[in-house]
Amino acid sequence: MTFFRDREHPSQWAGRASKLGCWAPIPIRMIVGYAFMAHGYSKLVRGPEHFAEILHALGIPMPGFMGWVTIVVEVVGGLAVLLGAFVPWVSIPLAVILLVSVFTLLLPYGFLSIKLQGVTSNGVRLGTPGYEVDLLYLACLAALVLGGTGPLSLDHLIAKFKSKRAIPTGNKM
């Protein structure tokens, strides 16, 4: 008696993967969209003026204005990614925020985002995070732009609606 007698053999899973592949963007959208919204919301709750002070210390021009722009882009852009709406467009300012973060803040600290320094009686001590997570977010945004947002997205619903409203261009003589 073999293990796979009454079960599907793993070699047959490839067909199922291709059928389920269209659903792959959904978990990416959920985590990336939520994360951007959470970061924007935390900046808003702490006070945009506090974030503006950080931007000023980093040498970002017009820190008050740029602080608000960053908050709005993260909250609204994160919601758009979560819903799968206008992802190719909202990915541009989100990617700019990530790249600015990498080059003005995280680059000197290296790639790794988790740097275990030690464990004490007070808990785990971690070092300064690197740019690893920002690159992961950039890769996720690129995957959504290049591969699509999946069937449960506003982009998909809009495309479906437009295709139904399109007037057929058949040759009539």
Protein backbone atom coordinates (compact mmCIF):
# COMPACT_ATOMS: atom_id res chain seq x y z
CA MET A 1 0.00 0.00 0.00
CA THR A 2 1.42 3.38 -0.96
CA PHE A 3 0.77 6.71 0.65
CA PHE A 4 -0.58 8.28 -2.56
CA ARG A 5 -2.94 5.45 -3.58
CA ASP A 6 -6.19 7.32 -2.83
CA ARG A 7 -4.68 10.77 -2.89
CA GLU A 8 -3.47 13.09 -5.58
CA HIS A 9 0.26 12.74 -6.14
CA PRO A 10 2.33 15.95 -5.69
CA SER A 11 3.40 15.74 -9.33
CA GLN A 12 -0.22 16.50 -10.24
CA TRP A 13 -0.32 19.73 -8.23
CA ALA A 14 1.18 21.82 -11.06
CA GLY A 15 -2.17 21.98 -12.85
CA ARG A 16 -3.89 23.18 -9.70
CA ALA A 17 -1.22 25.83 -9.10
CA SER A 18 -1.83 27.35 -12.52
CA LYS A 19 -5.58 27.47 -11.81
CA LEU A 20 -5.06 29.08 -8.41
CA GLY A 21 -2.27 31.43 -9.48
CA CYS A 22 -4.68 34.28 -10.17
CA TRP A 23 -5.41 34.42 -6.43
CA ALA A 24 -1.73 34.93 -5.48
CA PRO A 25 -1.87 38.77 -5.49
CA ILE A 26 -4.54 38.86 -2.78
CA PRO A 27 -2.34 38.08 0.25
CA ILE A 28 0.32 40.42 -1.15
CA ARG A 29 -2.24 43.22 -1.42
CA MET A 30 -3.55 42.53 2.09
CA ILE A 31 -0.20 42.77 3.88
CA VAL A 32 1.32 45.56 1.79
CA GLY A 33 -1.84 47.68 1.81
CA TYR A 34 -2.39 47.20 5.53
CA ALA A 35 1.28 47.93 6.32
CA PHE A 36 1.28 51.22 4.42
CA MET A 37 -1.97 52.25 6.10
CA ALA A 38 -0.59 51.31 9.53
CA HIS A 39 2.60 53.33 8.97
CA GLY A 40 0.66 56.37 7.75
CA TYR A 41 -1.81 56.12 10.61
CA SER A 42 0.96 55.85 13.22
CA LYS A 43 2.56 59.02 11.86
CA LEU A 44 -0.81 60.75 12.04
CA VAL A 45 -1.51 59.60 15.61
CA ARG A 46 1.94 60.63 16.89
CA GLY A 47 1.43 64.00 15.27
CA PRO A 48 2.44 65.12 11.80
CA GLU A 49 4.62 67.81 13.39
CA HIS A 50 6.70 65.08 15.07
CA PHE A 51 7.22 63.36 11.72
CA ALA A 52 8.08 66.72 10.15
CA GLU A 53 10.84 67.18 12.76
CA ILE A 54 12.29 63.81 11.76
CA LEU A 55 12.17 64.79 8.08
CA HIS A 56 13.86 68.10 8.91
CA ALA A 57 16.65 66.26 10.75
CA LEU A 58 17.13 64.05 7.67
CA GLY A 59 17.45 67.12 5.45
CA ILE A 60 14.21 66.60 3.53
CA PRO A 61 13.06 69.90 1.99
CA MET A 62 9.73 71.40 3.15
CA PRO A 63 9.43 68.88 6.01
CA GLY A 64 5.97 70.01 7.17
CA PHE A 65 4.47 69.68 3.71
CA MET A 66 6.36 66.48 2.89
CA GLY A 67 5.25 64.98 6.21
CA TRP A 68 1.60 65.47 5.28
CA VAL A 69 2.19 64.21 1.74
CA THR A 70 3.82 61.07 3.11
CA ILE A 71 0.97 60.43 5.55
CA VAL A 72 -1.72 60.90 2.89
CA VAL A 73 0.14 58.77 0.33
CA GLU A 74 0.66 55.97 2.86
CA VAL A 75 -2.95 55.93 4.11
CA VAL A 76 -4.72 56.48 0.77
CA GLY A 77 -2.18 54.48 -1.25
CA GLY A 78 -2.29 51.65 1.28
CA LEU A 79 -6.08 51.54 1.07
CA ALA A 80 -5.90 51.52 -2.73
CA VAL A 81 -3.44 48.59 -2.67
CA LEU A 82 -5.61 46.76 -0.13
CA LEU A 83 -8.66 47.16 -2.39
CA GLY A 84 -6.68 46.55 -5.58
CA ALA A 85 -7.63 49.95 -6.99
CA PHE A 86 -5.41 51.94 -9.37
CA VAL A 87 -2.38 49.95 -8.19
CA PRO A 88 -0.09 50.88 -11.12
CA TRP A 89 -0.69 54.58 -10.32
CA VAL A 90 -0.50 54.50 -6.51
CA SER A 91 2.61 52.31 -6.63
CA ILE A 92 4.65 55.22 -7.99
CA PRO A 93 4.40 57.54 -4.95
CA LEU A 94 4.57 54.54 -2.59
CA ALA A 95 7.80 53.41 -4.29
CA VAL A 96 9.19 56.94 -4.02
CA ILE A 97 8.55 56.93 -0.26
CA LEU A 98 10.31 53.56 0.07
CA LEU A 99 13.31 54.68 -1.99
CA VAL A 100 13.65 57.92 -0.02
CA SER A 101 13.54 55.84 3.18
CA VAL A 102 16.27 53.53 1.89
CA PHE A 103 18.63 56.25 0.66
CA THR A 104 18.14 58.86 3.40
CA LEU A 105 17.74 56.63 6.44
CA LEU A 106 18.37 52.90 6.13
CA LEU A 107 21.28 52.42 3.71
CA PRO A 108 24.06 52.96 6.28
CA TYR A 109 22.62 50.16 8.44
CA GLY A 110 22.95 47.45 5.79
CA PHE A 111 20.52 44.98 4.32
CA LEU A 112 19.17 42.99 7.27
CA SER A 113 16.06 44.30 8.95
CA ILE A 114 16.40 42.15 12.08
CA LYS A 115 19.74 42.22 13.82
CA LEU A 116 19.75 40.21 17.02
CA GLN A 117 22.09 41.90 19.47
CA GLY A 118 21.37 39.71 22.44
CA VAL A 119 18.85 38.43 24.92
CA THR A 120 18.70 39.95 28.39
CA SER A 121 16.38 39.60 31.37
CA ASN A 122 14.41 42.51 29.84
CA GLY A 123 13.90 40.64 26.57
CA VAL A 124 15.40 40.58 23.10
CA ARG A 125 17.69 43.44 22.02
CA LEU A 126 17.64 44.26 18.34
CA GLY A 127 19.94 46.51 16.36
CA THR A 128 19.04 49.25 13.93
CA PRO A 129 17.00 47.85 11.02
CA GLY A 130 18.33 47.89 7.46
CA TYR A 131 16.58 48.26 4.14
CA GLU A 132 15.46 44.64 3.64
CA VAL A 133 11.76 45.23 4.34
CA ASP A 134 11.62 48.30 2.09
CA LEU A 135 13.03 46.19 -0.77
CA LEU A 136 10.42 43.52 -0.06
CA TYR A 137 7.65 46.13 -0.30
CA LEU A 138 9.13 47.41 -3.57
CA ALA A 139 9.21 43.85 -4.94
CA CYS A 140 5.58 43.31 -3.90
CA LEU A 141 4.48 46.53 -5.57
CA ALA A 142 6.36 45.54 -8.73
CA ALA A 143 4.71 42.09 -8.68
CA LEU A 144 1.26 43.68 -8.39
CA VAL A 145 1.94 46.15 -11.20
CA LEU A 146 3.45 43.54 -13.54
CA GLY A 147 1.25 40.57 -12.63
CA GLY A 148 -2.05 42.24 -11.84
CA THR A 149 -4.07 42.64 -8.68
CA GLY A 150 -6.14 39.45 -8.92
CA PRO A 151 -9.83 38.72 -9.38
CA LEU A 152 -11.04 40.23 -6.10
CA SER A 153 -9.88 43.76 -6.84
CA LEU A 154 -11.41 47.01 -7.98
CA ASP A 155 -8.98 47.11 -10.91
CA HIS A 156 -10.37 43.74 -12.06
CA LEU A 157 -13.98 44.89 -11.61
CA ILE A 158 -13.32 48.12 -13.52
CA ALA A 159 -11.68 46.21 -16.40
CA LYS A 160 -14.61 43.77 -16.48
CA PHE A 161 -17.11 46.67 -16.54
CA LYS A 162 -15.21 48.43 -19.34
CA SER A 163 -15.05 45.27 -21.44
CA LYS A 164 -18.82 44.81 -21.15
CA ARG A 165 -19.45 48.43 -22.17
CA ALA A 166 -17.07 48.29 -25.13
CA ILE A 167 -18.79 48.61 -28.45
CA PRO A 168 -17.93 45.79 -30.83
CA THR A 169 -16.09 47.03 -33.90
CA GLY A 170 -17.27 44.51 -36.45
CA ASN A 171 -17.17 45.34 -40.15
CA LYS A 172 -20.68 45.89 -41.46
CA MET A 173 -21.22 46.16 -45.18
